[in-house]
Amino acid sequence: MKLEPDRSIKMIVTHSKCPLLKKGDTTRMNGPMIDYEHSTATCVTALLGIYPWVMASRFGIESKSMEWDHGYDVWCPEKLVKFKVVTENKKR
């Protein structure tokens, strides 16, 4: 079996105490690339902190041990922003 990270994902801000990101801001990724045309501002610190859940979503992994519940609810490293990381479509 060959497993490829070929799914597009989105990271939606669901809670924010950060002055740079607000609730509803969304970052979309097509594979490893940020889709800047369809995304709001992206915090690199947050992206690096939540990247394990981003990769799981790109692979289509719905891991209960990683607390999957129709996507992953994860906080940035500074605990200022909460994201919902979801698979946007089946394949790019």
Protein backbone atom coordinates (compact mmCIF):
# COMPACT_ATOMS: atom_id res chain seq x y z
CA MET A 1 0.00 0.00 0.00
CA LYS A 2 1.30 3.43 -0.95
CA LEU A 3 0.12 6.26 1.29
CA GLU A 4 0.49 9.75 -0.14
CA PRO A 5 -0.38 13.11 1.47
CA ASP A 6 -2.53 14.21 -1.45
CA ARG A 7 -5.45 15.86 0.32
CA SER A 8 -6.13 19.57 0.60
CA ILE A 9 -6.78 20.86 4.08
CA LYS A 10 -7.94 24.00 5.80
CA MET A 11 -7.11 25.44 9.19
CA ILE A 12 -9.93 27.56 10.59
CA VAL A 13 -9.46 29.88 13.58
CA THR A 14 -12.20 28.95 16.05
CA HIS A 15 -10.96 31.01 19.02
CA SER A 16 -8.42 33.83 19.20
CA LYS A 17 -6.87 36.14 21.75
CA CYS A 18 -4.15 37.04 19.22
CA PRO A 19 -4.25 40.52 17.67
CA LEU A 20 -3.05 39.09 14.34
CA LEU A 21 -5.67 36.39 13.77
CA LYS A 22 -9.41 36.55 14.27
CA LYS A 23 -12.13 33.94 14.56
CA GLY A 24 -13.05 32.65 11.11
CA ASP A 25 -9.64 33.29 9.52
CA THR A 26 -8.76 30.34 7.31
CA THR A 27 -5.56 29.00 5.80
CA ARG A 28 -5.88 26.49 2.99
CA MET A 29 -3.14 24.12 1.87
CA ASN A 30 -2.89 22.09 -1.31
CA GLY A 31 -0.41 19.37 -0.43
CA PRO A 32 2.60 21.08 1.17
CA MET A 33 1.82 24.49 -0.36
CA ILE A 34 -0.22 27.29 1.19
CA ASP A 35 -3.00 28.43 -1.14
CA TYR A 36 -2.43 32.16 -0.68
CA GLU A 37 -5.25 33.09 -3.08
CA HIS A 38 -7.86 31.44 -0.81
CA SER A 39 -6.24 32.06 2.59
CA THR A 40 -6.08 34.82 5.16
CA ALA A 41 -2.85 35.66 6.97
CA THR A 42 -0.88 32.63 8.17
CA CYS A 43 1.10 32.52 11.41
CA VAL A 44 4.24 30.47 10.86
CA THR A 45 4.71 29.86 14.59
CA ALA A 46 1.21 28.40 14.83
CA LEU A 47 1.65 26.38 11.63
CA LEU A 48 4.86 24.80 12.91
CA GLY A 49 3.21 23.97 16.24
CA ILE A 50 0.15 22.29 14.72
CA TYR A 51 1.90 20.66 11.76
CA PRO A 52 1.56 17.05 13.04
CA TRP A 53 -2.24 17.48 12.80
CA VAL A 54 -1.88 19.16 9.41
CA MET A 55 0.10 16.15 8.13
CA ALA A 56 -2.41 13.68 9.59
CA SER A 57 -5.17 15.56 7.76
CA ARG A 58 -3.20 15.63 4.51
CA PHE A 59 -2.89 11.84 4.74
CA GLY A 60 -6.59 11.52 5.59
CA ILE A 61 -5.83 10.04 9.01
CA GLU A 62 -8.70 10.24 11.50
CA SER A 63 -6.83 9.30 14.66
CA LYS A 64 -8.79 9.06 17.90
CA SER A 65 -5.50 9.08 19.82
CA MET A 66 -4.77 12.49 18.24
CA GLU A 67 -8.30 13.55 19.28
CA TRP A 68 -9.91 13.56 15.83
CA ASP A 69 -13.54 14.65 15.91
CA HIS A 70 -14.57 15.56 12.36
CA GLY A 71 -11.20 17.34 12.22
CA TYR A 72 -8.56 18.18 14.78
CA ASP A 73 -9.01 20.94 17.39
CA VAL A 74 -5.55 22.25 18.22
CA TRP A 75 -3.99 25.28 19.90
CA CYS A 76 -1.02 27.32 18.71
CA PRO A 77 2.11 26.99 20.91
CA GLU A 78 1.29 30.26 22.68
CA LYS A 79 -2.26 29.05 23.54
CA LEU A 80 -3.71 32.20 21.97
CA VAL A 81 -5.35 30.69 18.90
CA LYS A 82 -7.40 27.51 18.52
CA PHE A 83 -7.71 25.95 15.07
CA LYS A 84 -9.94 23.33 13.51
CA VAL A 85 -7.83 21.38 11.01
CA VAL A 86 -9.98 19.55 8.47
CA THR A 87 -9.59 17.75 5.19
CA GLU A 88 -11.14 19.97 2.55
CA ASN A 89 -11.47 17.39 -0.20
CA LYS A 90 -10.47 13.82 -0.95
CA LYS A 91 -7.74 14.47 -3.54
CA ARG A 92 -6.04 17.46 -5.08
